[in-house]
Amino acid sequence: MLDTNYLVAILQGNGVSELTVDMIDDPKTTAINAYELYYGARRSENPEKSFSKVNSLLKAIPVLTRNIDHFGRIKGLRCSSW
């Protein structure tokens, strides 16, 4: 399970490359983490660029949620029910 701090480090390029995600067996994150990333993107200096980065990252990592109907509406987001 990848937490928000780890995901932000990937987005910012702070010593954590996306290749390390490939080394983790079956990486996933949560709907709360996804929300926190989108919230941070909205508050960033360049929201459009930040949203693009968050979208790309979350397309590569399944999001665990009980609300598949809601999150399933986000194009390209892979959701799994826990």
PDB file of N, CA and C in Angstrom:
ATOM      1  N   MET A   1       0.844  -1.158   0.000  1.00  0.00           N
ATOM      2  CA  MET A   1       0.000   0.000   0.000  1.00  0.00           C
ATOM      3  C   MET A   1       0.897   1.231   0.000  1.00  0.00           C
ATOM      4  N   LEU A   2       0.741   2.067  -1.016  1.00  0.00           N
ATOM      5  CA  LEU A   2       1.551   3.275  -1.127  1.00  0.00           C
ATOM      6  C   LEU A   2       0.804   4.437  -0.476  1.00  0.00           C
ATOM      7  N   ASP A   3       1.451   5.122   0.465  1.00  0.00           N
ATOM      8  CA  ASP A   3       0.799   6.228   1.148  1.00  0.00           C
ATOM      9  C   ASP A   3       1.035   7.544   0.398  1.00  0.00           C
ATOM     10  N   THR A   4       0.374   8.591   0.862  1.00  0.00           N
ATOM     11  CA  THR A   4       0.435   9.889   0.184  1.00  0.00           C
ATOM     12  C   THR A   4       1.858  10.428   0.131  1.00  0.00           C
ATOM     13  N   ASN A   5       2.611  10.323   1.215  1.00  0.00           N
ATOM     14  CA  ASN A   5       3.983  10.839   1.225  1.00  0.00           C
ATOM     15  C   ASN A   5       4.844  10.174   0.158  1.00  0.00           C
ATOM     16  N   TYR A   6       4.697   8.868   0.018  1.00  0.00           N
ATOM     17  CA  TYR A   6       5.463   8.131  -0.991  1.00  0.00           C
ATOM     18  C   TYR A   6       5.049   8.579  -2.395  1.00  0.00           C
ATOM     19  N   LEU A   7       3.748   8.721  -2.611  1.00  0.00           N
ATOM     20  CA  LEU A   7       3.252   9.136  -3.924  1.00  0.00           C
ATOM     21  C   LEU A   7       3.689  10.557  -4.266  1.00  0.00           C
ATOM     22  N   VAL A   8       3.676  11.451  -3.286  1.00  0.00           N
ATOM     23  CA  VAL A   8       4.141  12.824  -3.518  1.00  0.00           C
ATOM     24  C   VAL A   8       5.632  12.823  -3.858  1.00  0.00           C
ATOM     25  N   ALA A   9       6.411  11.994  -3.187  1.00  0.00           N
ATOM     26  CA  ALA A   9       7.842  11.896  -3.492  1.00  0.00           C
ATOM     27  C   ALA A   9       8.059  11.459  -4.936  1.00  0.00           C
ATOM     28  N   ILE A  10       7.238  10.535  -5.412  1.00  0.00           N
ATOM     29  CA  ILE A  10       7.325  10.121  -6.818  1.00  0.00           C
ATOM     30  C   ILE A  10       7.005  11.301  -7.732  1.00  0.00           C
ATOM     31  N   LEU A  11       5.918  12.002  -7.425  1.00  0.00           N
ATOM     32  CA  LEU A  11       5.501  13.137  -8.255  1.00  0.00           C
ATOM     33  C   LEU A  11       6.543  14.243  -8.279  1.00  0.00           C
ATOM     34  N   GLN A  12       7.208  14.472  -7.173  1.00  0.00           N
ATOM     35  CA  GLN A  12       8.192  15.547  -7.079  1.00  0.00           C
ATOM     36  C   GLN A  12       9.590  15.112  -7.498  1.00  0.00           C
ATOM     37  N   GLY A  13       9.777  13.812  -7.687  1.00  0.00           N
ATOM     38  CA  GLY A  13      11.095  13.318  -8.071  1.00  0.00           C
ATOM     39  C   GLY A  13      12.108  13.422  -6.941  1.00  0.00           C
ATOM     40  N   ASN A  14      11.657  13.294  -5.707  1.00  0.00           N
ATOM     41  CA  ASN A  14      12.523  13.414  -4.533  1.00  0.00           C
ATOM     42  C   ASN A  14      13.184  12.092  -4.163  1.00  0.00           C
ATOM     43  N   GLY A  15      14.016  11.570  -5.038  1.00  0.00           N
ATOM     44  CA  GLY A  15      14.763  10.369  -4.721  1.00  0.00           C
ATOM     45  C   GLY A  15      13.984   9.072  -4.845  1.00  0.00           C
ATOM     46  N   VAL A  16      12.722   9.149  -5.219  1.00  0.00           N
ATOM     47  CA  VAL A  16      11.913   7.948  -5.416  1.00  0.00           C
ATOM     48  C   VAL A  16      11.496   7.942  -6.881  1.00  0.00           C
ATOM     49  N   SER A  17      12.007   6.991  -7.624  1.00  0.00           N
ATOM     50  CA  SER A  17      11.634   6.934  -9.031  1.00  0.00           C
ATOM     51  C   SER A  17      10.426   6.036  -9.221  1.00  0.00           C
ATOM     52  N   GLU A  18       9.761   6.216 -10.352  1.00  0.00           N
ATOM     53  CA  GLU A  18       8.620   5.355 -10.650  1.00  0.00           C
ATOM     54  C   GLU A  18       9.057   3.902 -10.810  1.00  0.00           C
ATOM     55  N   LEU A  19      10.330   3.694 -11.074  1.00  0.00           N
ATOM     56  CA  LEU A  19      10.832   2.324 -11.192  1.00  0.00           C
ATOM     57  C   LEU A  19      10.730   1.586  -9.863  1.00  0.00           C
ATOM     58  N   THR A  20      10.832   2.308  -8.755  1.00  0.00           N
ATOM     59  CA  THR A  20      10.714   1.628  -7.455  1.00  0.00           C
ATOM     60  C   THR A  20       9.320   1.080  -7.251  1.00  0.00           C
ATOM     61  N   VAL A  21       8.330   1.712  -7.852  1.00  0.00           N
ATOM     62  CA  VAL A  21       6.962   1.193  -7.767  1.00  0.00           C
ATOM     63  C   VAL A  21       6.908  -0.180  -8.418  1.00  0.00           C
ATOM     64  N   ASP A  22       7.643  -0.366  -9.520  1.00  0.00           N
ATOM     65  CA  ASP A  22       7.673  -1.655 -10.197  1.00  0.00           C
ATOM     66  C   ASP A  22       8.298  -2.741  -9.319  1.00  0.00           C
ATOM     67  N   MET A  23       9.135  -2.348  -8.380  1.00  0.00           N
ATOM     68  CA  MET A  23       9.793  -3.311  -7.506  1.00  0.00           C
ATOM     69  C   MET A  23       8.871  -3.768  -6.376  1.00  0.00           C
ATOM     70  N   ILE A  24       7.790  -3.037  -6.142  1.00  0.00           N
ATOM     71  CA  ILE A  24       6.839  -3.396  -5.095  1.00  0.00           C
ATOM     72  C   ILE A  24       5.819  -4.357  -5.670  1.00  0.00           C
ATOM     73  N   ASP A  25       5.651  -5.488  -5.017  1.00  0.00           N
ATOM     74  CA  ASP A  25       4.717  -6.496  -5.489  1.00  0.00           C
ATOM     75  C   ASP A  25       3.281  -5.992  -5.320  1.00  0.00           C
ATOM     76  N   ASP A  26       2.589  -5.820  -6.429  1.00  0.00           N
ATOM     77  CA  ASP A  26       1.175  -5.441  -6.441  1.00  0.00           C
ATOM     78  C   ASP A  26       0.899  -4.115  -5.714  1.00  0.00           C
ATOM     79  N   PRO A  27       1.526  -2.999  -6.166  1.00  0.00           N
ATOM     80  CA  PRO A  27       1.302  -1.718  -5.484  1.00  0.00           C
ATOM     81  C   PRO A  27      -0.132  -1.235  -5.646  1.00  0.00           C
ATOM     82  N   LYS A  28      -0.638  -0.630  -4.595  1.00  0.00           N
ATOM     83  CA  LYS A  28      -1.979  -0.054  -4.597  1.00  0.00           C
ATOM     84  C   LYS A  28      -1.946   1.188  -3.731  1.00  0.00           C
ATOM     85  N   THR A  29      -2.976   2.001  -3.829  1.00  0.00           N
ATOM     86  CA  THR A  29      -3.159   3.123  -2.930  1.00  0.00           C
ATOM     87  C   THR A  29      -4.638   3.192  -2.577  1.00  0.00           C
ATOM     88  N   THR A  30      -5.027   4.168  -1.781  1.00  0.00           N
ATOM     89  CA  THR A  30      -6.417   4.264  -1.343  1.00  0.00           C
ATOM     90  C   THR A  30      -7.093   5.484  -1.948  1.00  0.00           C
ATOM     91  N   ALA A  31      -8.408   5.504  -1.859  1.00  0.00           N
ATOM     92  CA  ALA A  31      -9.184   6.644  -2.334  1.00  0.00           C
ATOM     93  C   ALA A  31      -8.813   7.901  -1.550  1.00  0.00           C
ATOM     94  N   ILE A  32      -8.527   7.762  -0.271  1.00  0.00           N
ATOM     95  CA  ILE A  32      -8.113   8.912   0.543  1.00  0.00           C
ATOM     96  C   ILE A  32      -6.805   9.488   0.010  1.00  0.00           C
ATOM     97  N   ASN A  33      -5.848   8.610  -0.309  1.00  0.00           N
ATOM     98  CA  ASN A  33      -4.583   9.083  -0.872  1.00  0.00           C
ATOM     99  C   ASN A  33      -4.810   9.789  -2.202  1.00  0.00           C
ATOM    100  N   ALA A  34      -5.676   9.240  -3.035  1.00  0.00           N
ATOM    101  CA  ALA A  34      -5.980   9.865  -4.328  1.00  0.00           C
ATOM    102  C   ALA A  34      -6.581  11.251  -4.106  1.00  0.00           C
ATOM    103  N   TYR A  35      -7.508  11.350  -3.160  1.00  0.00           N
ATOM    104  CA  TYR A  35      -8.110  12.646  -2.839  1.00  0.00           C
ATOM    105  C   TYR A  35      -7.043  13.636  -2.402  1.00  0.00           C
ATOM    106  N   GLU A  36      -6.135  13.212  -1.529  1.00  0.00           N
ATOM    107  CA  GLU A  36      -5.086  14.111  -1.044  1.00  0.00           C
ATOM    108  C   GLU A  36      -4.193  14.592  -2.184  1.00  0.00           C
ATOM    109  N   LEU A  37      -3.902  13.713  -3.133  1.00  0.00           N
ATOM    110  CA  LEU A  37      -3.090  14.122  -4.287  1.00  0.00           C
ATOM    111  C   LEU A  37      -3.823  15.154  -5.135  1.00  0.00           C
ATOM    112  N   TYR A  38      -5.107  14.930  -5.389  1.00  0.00           N
ATOM    113  CA  TYR A  38      -5.880  15.891  -6.182  1.00  0.00           C
ATOM    114  C   TYR A  38      -6.050  17.216  -5.432  1.00  0.00           C
ATOM    115  N   TYR A  39      -6.208  17.153  -4.133  1.00  0.00           N
ATOM    116  CA  TYR A  39      -6.318  18.368  -3.328  1.00  0.00           C
ATOM    117  C   TYR A  39      -5.024  19.184  -3.424  1.00  0.00           C
ATOM    118  N   GLY A  40      -3.906  18.511  -3.281  1.00  0.00           N
ATOM    119  CA  GLY A  40      -2.614  19.182  -3.400  1.00  0.00           C
ATOM    120  C   GLY A  40      -2.390  19.754  -4.787  1.00  0.00           C
ATOM    121  N   ALA A  41      -2.820  19.021  -5.811  1.00  0.00           N
ATOM    122  CA  ALA A  41      -2.674  19.513  -7.186  1.00  0.00           C
ATOM    123  C   ALA A  41      -3.474  20.790  -7.386  1.00  0.00           C
ATOM    124  N   ARG A  42      -4.664  20.826  -6.830  1.00  0.00           N
ATOM    125  CA  ARG A  42      -5.524  22.010  -6.964  1.00  0.00           C
ATOM    126  C   ARG A  42      -4.914  23.230  -6.293  1.00  0.00           C
ATOM    127  N   ARG A  43      -4.195  23.022  -5.208  1.00  0.00           N
ATOM    128  CA  ARG A  43      -3.599  24.130  -4.456  1.00  0.00           C
ATOM    129  C   ARG A  43      -2.189  24.483  -4.942  1.00  0.00           C
ATOM    130  N   SER A  44      -1.675  23.758  -5.924  1.00  0.00           N
ATOM    131  CA  SER A  44      -0.307  23.978  -6.384  1.00  0.00           C
ATOM    132  C   SER A  44      -0.191  25.252  -7.229  1.00  0.00           C
ATOM    133  N   GLU A  45       1.047  25.637  -7.512  1.00  0.00           N
ATOM    134  CA  GLU A  45       1.300  26.824  -8.331  1.00  0.00           C
ATOM    135  C   GLU A  45       0.851  26.629  -9.773  1.00  0.00           C
ATOM    136  N   ASN A  46       0.877  25.390 -10.236  1.00  0.00           N
ATOM    137  CA  ASN A  46       0.481  25.084 -11.614  1.00  0.00           C
ATOM    138  C   ASN A  46      -0.492  23.896 -11.581  1.00  0.00           C
ATOM    139  N   PRO A  47      -1.765  24.159 -11.246  1.00  0.00           N
ATOM    140  CA  PRO A  47      -2.729  23.063 -11.087  1.00  0.00           C
ATOM    141  C   PRO A  47      -2.874  22.175 -12.322  1.00  0.00           C
ATOM    142  N   GLU A  48      -2.878  22.751 -13.502  1.00  0.00           N
ATOM    143  CA  GLU A  48      -3.053  21.945 -14.714  1.00  0.00           C
ATOM    144  C   GLU A  48      -1.933  20.917 -14.859  1.00  0.00           C
ATOM    145  N   LYS A  49      -0.706  21.350 -14.658  1.00  0.00           N
ATOM    146  CA  LYS A  49       0.435  20.438 -14.746  1.00  0.00           C
ATOM    147  C   LYS A  49       0.374  19.389 -13.632  1.00  0.00           C
ATOM    148  N   SER A  50       0.019  19.841 -12.423  1.00  0.00           N
ATOM    149  CA  SER A  50      -0.057  18.921 -11.285  1.00  0.00           C
ATOM    150  C   SER A  50      -1.149  17.877 -11.477  1.00  0.00           C
ATOM    151  N   PHE A  51      -2.325  18.293 -11.976  1.00  0.00           N
ATOM    152  CA  PHE A  51      -3.401  17.335 -12.244  1.00  0.00           C
ATOM    153  C   PHE A  51      -2.955  16.300 -13.274  1.00  0.00           C
ATOM    154  N   SER A  52      -2.232  16.742 -14.285  1.00  0.00           N
ATOM    155  CA  SER A  52      -1.748  15.819 -15.307  1.00  0.00           C
ATOM    156  C   SER A  52      -0.813  14.778 -14.699  1.00  0.00           C
ATOM    157  N   LYS A  53       0.089  15.212 -13.821  1.00  0.00           N
ATOM    158  CA  LYS A  53       1.018  14.285 -13.170  1.00  0.00           C
ATOM    159  C   LYS A  53       0.277  13.296 -12.269  1.00  0.00           C
ATOM    160  N   VAL A  54      -0.683  13.805 -11.488  1.00  0.00           N
ATOM    161  CA  VAL A  54      -1.461  12.938 -10.596  1.00  0.00           C
ATOM    162  C   VAL A  54      -2.249  11.922 -11.412  1.00  0.00           C
ATOM    163  N   ASN A  55      -2.895  12.371 -12.482  1.00  0.00           N
ATOM    164  CA  ASN A  55      -3.657  11.456 -13.333  1.00  0.00           C
ATOM    165  C   ASN A  55      -2.776  10.356 -13.893  1.00  0.00           C
ATOM    166  N   SER A  56      -1.597  10.721 -14.381  1.00  0.00           N
ATOM    167  CA  SER A  56      -0.680   9.720 -14.944  1.00  0.00           C
ATOM    168  C   SER A  56      -0.266   8.702 -13.893  1.00  0.00           C
ATOM    169  N   LEU A  57       0.046   9.189 -12.697  1.00  0.00           N
ATOM    170  CA  LEU A  57       0.471   8.281 -11.630  1.00  0.00           C
ATOM    171  C   LEU A  57      -0.652   7.339 -11.227  1.00  0.00           C
ATOM    172  N   LEU A  58      -1.853   7.882 -11.048  1.00  0.00           N
ATOM    173  CA  LEU A  58      -2.964   7.041 -10.578  1.00  0.00           C
ATOM    174  C   LEU A  58      -3.488   6.089 -11.655  1.00  0.00           C
ATOM    175  N   LYS A  59      -3.177   6.348 -12.908  1.00  0.00           N
ATOM    176  CA  LYS A  59      -3.520   5.384 -13.957  1.00  0.00           C
ATOM    177  C   LYS A  59      -2.636   4.142 -13.868  1.00  0.00           C
ATOM    178  N   ALA A  60      -1.470   4.302 -13.241  1.00  0.00           N
ATOM    179  CA  ALA A  60      -0.519   3.194 -13.141  1.00  0.00           C
ATOM    180  C   ALA A  60      -0.682   2.383 -11.856  1.00  0.00           C
ATOM    181  N   ILE A  61      -1.409   2.923 -10.878  1.00  0.00           N
ATOM    182  CA  ILE A  61      -1.543   2.269  -9.579  1.00  0.00           C
ATOM    183  C   ILE A  61      -3.026   2.113  -9.245  1.00  0.00           C
ATOM    184  N   PRO A  62      -3.511   0.895  -9.052  1.00  0.00           N
ATOM    185  CA  PRO A  62      -4.922   0.721  -8.690  1.00  0.00           C
ATOM    186  C   PRO A  62      -5.273   1.412  -7.371  1.00  0.00           C
ATOM    187  N   VAL A  63      -6.473   1.971  -7.330  1.00  0.00           N
ATOM    188  CA  VAL A  63      -6.978   2.644  -6.138  1.00  0.00           C
ATOM    189  C   VAL A  63      -8.004   1.730  -5.474  1.00  0.00           C
ATOM    190  N   LEU A  64      -7.777   1.435  -4.193  1.00  0.00           N
ATOM    191  CA  LEU A  64      -8.720   0.608  -3.440  1.00  0.00           C
ATOM    192  C   LEU A  64      -9.817   1.496  -2.874  1.00  0.00           C
ATOM    193  N   THR A  65     -11.055   1.110  -3.112  1.00  0.00           N
ATOM    194  CA  THR A  65     -12.194   1.874  -2.613  1.00  0.00           C
ATOM    195  C   THR A  65     -13.410   0.973  -2.541  1.00  0.00           C
ATOM    196  N   ARG A  66     -14.350   1.325  -1.702  1.00  0.00           N
ATOM    197  CA  ARG A  66     -15.630   0.612  -1.681  1.00  0.00           C
ATOM    198  C   ARG A  66     -16.620   1.297  -2.605  1.00  0.00           C
ATOM    199  N   ASN A  67     -16.260   2.475  -3.117  1.00  0.00           N
ATOM    200  CA  ASN A  67     -17.150   3.265  -3.943  1.00  0.00           C
ATOM    201  C   ASN A  67     -16.718   3.206  -5.413  1.00  0.00           C
ATOM    202  N   ILE A  68     -16.795   2.017  -5.991  1.00  0.00           N
ATOM    203  CA  ILE A  68     -16.382   1.806  -7.377  1.00  0.00           C
ATOM    204  C   ILE A  68     -17.196   2.682  -8.333  1.00  0.00           C
ATOM    205  N   ASP A  69     -18.486   2.840  -8.077  1.00  0.00           N
ATOM    206  CA  ASP A  69     -19.330   3.645  -8.967  1.00  0.00           C
ATOM    207  C   ASP A  69     -18.820   5.073  -9.071  1.00  0.00           C
ATOM    208  N   HIS A  70     -18.442   5.649  -7.960  1.00  0.00           N
ATOM    209  CA  HIS A  70     -17.976   7.040  -7.951  1.00  0.00           C
ATOM    210  C   HIS A  70     -16.611   7.172  -8.631  1.00  0.00           C
ATOM    211  N   PHE A  71     -15.622   6.407  -8.173  1.00  0.00           N
ATOM    212  CA  PHE A  71     -14.274   6.538  -8.707  1.00  0.00           C
ATOM    213  C   PHE A  71     -14.141   5.950 -10.108  1.00  0.00           C
ATOM    214  N   GLY A  72     -15.017   5.037 -10.464  1.00  0.00           N
ATOM    215  CA  GLY A  72     -15.000   4.462 -11.804  1.00  0.00           C
ATOM    216  C   GLY A  72     -15.309   5.469 -12.901  1.00  0.00           C
ATOM    217  N   ARG A  73     -15.851   6.618 -12.523  1.00  0.00           N
ATOM    218  CA  ARG A  73     -16.151   7.671 -13.502  1.00  0.00           C
ATOM    219  C   ARG A  73     -14.914   8.438 -13.948  1.00  0.00           C
ATOM    220  N   ILE A  74     -13.807   8.272 -13.244  1.00  0.00           N
ATOM    221  CA  ILE A  74     -12.584   8.974 -13.608  1.00  0.00           C
ATOM    222  C   ILE A  74     -11.892   8.180 -14.710  1.00  0.00           C
ATOM    223  N   LYS A  75     -11.839   8.786 -15.877  1.00  0.00           N
ATOM    224  CA  LYS A  75     -11.307   8.111 -17.047  1.00  0.00           C
ATOM    225  C   LYS A  75      -9.857   7.650 -16.810  1.00  0.00           C
ATOM    226  N   GLY A  76      -9.626   6.362 -17.021  1.00  0.00           N
ATOM    227  CA  GLY A  76      -8.291   5.792 -16.916  1.00  0.00           C
ATOM    228  C   GLY A  76      -7.903   5.340 -15.521  1.00  0.00           C
ATOM    229  N   LEU A  77      -8.673   5.704 -14.489  1.00  0.00           N
ATOM    230  CA  LEU A  77      -8.354   5.306 -13.127  1.00  0.00           C
ATOM    231  C   LEU A  77      -8.748   3.843 -12.922  1.00  0.00           C
ATOM    232  N   ARG A  78      -7.816   3.065 -12.418  1.00  0.00           N
ATOM    233  CA  ARG A  78      -8.086   1.649 -12.130  1.00  0.00           C
ATOM    234  C   ARG A  78      -8.488   1.504 -10.681  1.00  0.00           C
ATOM    235  N   CYS A  79      -9.681   1.035 -10.446  1.00  0.00           N
ATOM    236  CA  CYS A  79     -10.213   0.886  -9.086  1.00  0.00           C
ATOM    237  C   CYS A  79     -10.460  -0.572  -8.761  1.00  0.00           C
ATOM    238  N   SER A  80     -10.244  -0.898  -7.498  1.00  0.00           N
ATOM    239  CA  SER A  80     -10.548  -2.223  -6.987  1.00  0.00           C
ATOM    240  C   SER A  80     -11.279  -2.061  -5.674  1.00  0.00           C
ATOM    241  N   SER A  81     -12.239  -2.935  -5.433  1.00  0.00           N
ATOM    242  CA  SER A  81     -12.949  -2.912  -4.162  1.00  0.00           C
ATOM    243  C   SER A  81     -12.153  -3.714  -3.149  1.00  0.00           C
ATOM    244  N   TRP A  82     -12.045  -3.223  -1.948  1.00  0.00           N
ATOM    245  CA  TRP A  82     -11.333  -3.961  -0.912  1.00  0.00           C
ATOM    246  C   TRP A  82     -12.291  -4.875  -0.235  1.00  0.00           C
TER     247      TRP A  82
END
